């Protein structure tokens, strides 16, 4: 079933911390068997100050949810 999921599909999380939540897929990482969902699994990472980014700061990133924990919402 995980093979038929693609960007834009609405899915329901069937296992894990976000069980029961419904969201749409933003990105699919087929190599690692993970999907990034809109507004679910977002973490804040701190960015070190560099020459190109002298202030540093924070950046929100998506943490993928395993495809086996998702079910297509019909």
C-alpha atoms as a PDB file:
ATOM      1  CA  UNK A   1       0.000   0.000   0.000  1.00  0.00           C
ATOM      2  CA  UNK A   2       2.844   2.415   0.735  1.00  0.00           C
ATOM      3  CA  UNK A   3       3.906   2.350  -2.922  1.00  0.00           C
ATOM      4  CA  UNK A   4       0.718   4.100  -4.035  1.00  0.00           C
ATOM      5  CA  UNK A   5       1.114   7.168  -1.780  1.00  0.00           C
ATOM      6  CA  UNK A   6       2.173  10.369  -3.536  1.00  0.00           C
ATOM      7  CA  UNK A   7       2.444  14.113  -2.955  1.00  0.00           C
ATOM      8  CA  UNK A   8      -0.932  15.745  -2.352  1.00  0.00           C
ATOM      9  CA  UNK A   9      -2.702  12.641  -1.008  1.00  0.00           C
ATOM     10  CA  UNK A  10      -4.614  12.981   2.253  1.00  0.00           C
ATOM     11  CA  UNK A  11      -3.515  10.343   4.732  1.00  0.00           C
ATOM     12  CA  UNK A  12      -4.375   9.271   8.257  1.00  0.00           C
ATOM     13  CA  UNK A  13      -1.660   8.382  10.758  1.00  0.00           C
ATOM     14  CA  UNK A  14      -2.459   4.919  12.156  1.00  0.00           C
ATOM     15  CA  UNK A  15       0.448   4.513  14.621  1.00  0.00           C
ATOM     16  CA  UNK A  16       2.769   6.649  16.716  1.00  0.00           C
ATOM     17  CA  UNK A  17       2.435   9.928  18.597  1.00  0.00           C
ATOM     18  CA  UNK A  18       0.198  11.508  15.946  1.00  0.00           C
ATOM     19  CA  UNK A  19      -2.214   8.566  15.697  1.00  0.00           C
ATOM     20  CA  UNK A  20      -5.610   9.556  14.299  1.00  0.00           C
ATOM     21  CA  UNK A  21      -4.490  12.832  12.718  1.00  0.00           C
ATOM     22  CA  UNK A  22      -5.249  13.533   9.056  1.00  0.00           C
ATOM     23  CA  UNK A  23      -2.946  15.590   6.812  1.00  0.00           C
ATOM     24  CA  UNK A  24      -1.719  15.884   3.242  1.00  0.00           C
ATOM     25  CA  UNK A  25       1.661  14.680   2.009  1.00  0.00           C
ATOM     26  CA  UNK A  26       4.194  17.414   1.215  1.00  0.00           C
ATOM     27  CA  UNK A  27       7.163  15.232   0.206  1.00  0.00           C
ATOM     28  CA  UNK A  28       7.899  11.507  -0.125  1.00  0.00           C
ATOM     29  CA  UNK A  29      11.363  10.033   0.514  1.00  0.00           C
ATOM     30  CA  UNK A  30      11.133   6.617  -1.157  1.00  0.00           C
ATOM     31  CA  UNK A  31      14.726   5.666  -0.330  1.00  0.00           C
ATOM     32  CA  UNK A  32      14.146   5.955   3.443  1.00  0.00           C
ATOM     33  CA  UNK A  33      10.424   4.970   3.270  1.00  0.00           C
ATOM     34  CA  UNK A  34       9.269   8.219   4.892  1.00  0.00           C
ATOM     35  CA  UNK A  35       6.672  10.862   4.107  1.00  0.00           C
ATOM     36  CA  UNK A  36       6.617  14.462   5.263  1.00  0.00           C
ATOM     37  CA  UNK A  37       3.148  15.622   6.276  1.00  0.00           C
ATOM     38  CA  UNK A  38       1.792  19.162   6.389  1.00  0.00           C
ATOM     39  CA  UNK A  39       1.882  20.560   9.973  1.00  0.00           C
ATOM     40  CA  UNK A  40       2.868  17.163  11.466  1.00  0.00           C
ATOM     41  CA  UNK A  41       6.379  16.218  12.502  1.00  0.00           C
ATOM     42  CA  UNK A  42       7.885  19.700  12.346  1.00  0.00           C
ATOM     43  CA  UNK A  43      10.959  20.248  14.510  1.00  0.00           C
ATOM     44  CA  UNK A  44      13.006  23.371  15.173  1.00  0.00           C
ATOM     45  CA  UNK A  45      16.748  23.183  14.495  1.00  0.00           C
ATOM     46  CA  UNK A  46      19.249  25.785  15.583  1.00  0.00           C
ATOM     47  CA  UNK A  47      21.546  27.131  12.863  1.00  0.00           C
ATOM     48  CA  UNK A  48      25.115  28.019  13.747  1.00  0.00           C
ATOM     49  CA  UNK A  49      26.331  31.489  12.755  1.00  0.00           C
ATOM     50  CA  UNK A  50      28.475  31.384   9.598  1.00  0.00           C
ATOM     51  CA  UNK A  51      30.000  33.784   7.128  1.00  0.00           C
ATOM     52  CA  UNK A  52      26.879  33.635   4.936  1.00  0.00           C
ATOM     53  CA  UNK A  53      24.441  33.637   7.845  1.00  0.00           C
ATOM     54  CA  UNK A  54      26.120  35.813  10.509  1.00  0.00           C
ATOM     55  CA  UNK A  55      23.149  35.885  12.882  1.00  0.00           C
ATOM     56  CA  UNK A  56      22.482  32.152  12.937  1.00  0.00           C
ATOM     57  CA  UNK A  57      18.987  31.418  14.214  1.00  0.00           C
ATOM     58  CA  UNK A  58      16.317  28.756  14.020  1.00  0.00           C
ATOM     59  CA  UNK A  59      14.908  26.740  11.129  1.00  0.00           C
ATOM     60  CA  UNK A  60      11.811  24.532  10.997  1.00  0.00           C
ATOM     61  CA  UNK A  61      12.331  21.157   9.315  1.00  0.00           C
ATOM     62  CA  UNK A  62      10.059  18.217   8.535  1.00  0.00           C
ATOM     63  CA  UNK A  63      10.738  14.917  10.272  1.00  0.00           C
ATOM     64  CA  UNK A  64       9.431  12.055   8.173  1.00  0.00           C
ATOM     65  CA  UNK A  65       6.823   9.527   9.276  1.00  0.00           C
ATOM     66  CA  UNK A  66       7.313   5.943   8.118  1.00  0.00           C
ATOM     67  CA  UNK A  67       5.063   4.957   5.216  1.00  0.00           C
ATOM     68  CA  UNK A  68       3.870   1.865   7.077  1.00  0.00           C
ATOM     69  CA  UNK A  69       2.246   4.144   9.675  1.00  0.00           C
ATOM     70  CA  UNK A  70       0.083   5.917   7.081  1.00  0.00           C
ATOM     71  CA  UNK A  71      -3.243   5.021   5.510  1.00  0.00           C
ATOM     72  CA  UNK A  72      -4.857   6.741   2.545  1.00  0.00           C
ATOM     73  CA  UNK A  73      -7.910   8.766   3.541  1.00  0.00           C
ATOM     74  CA  UNK A  74     -10.783   8.136   1.107  1.00  0.00           C
END
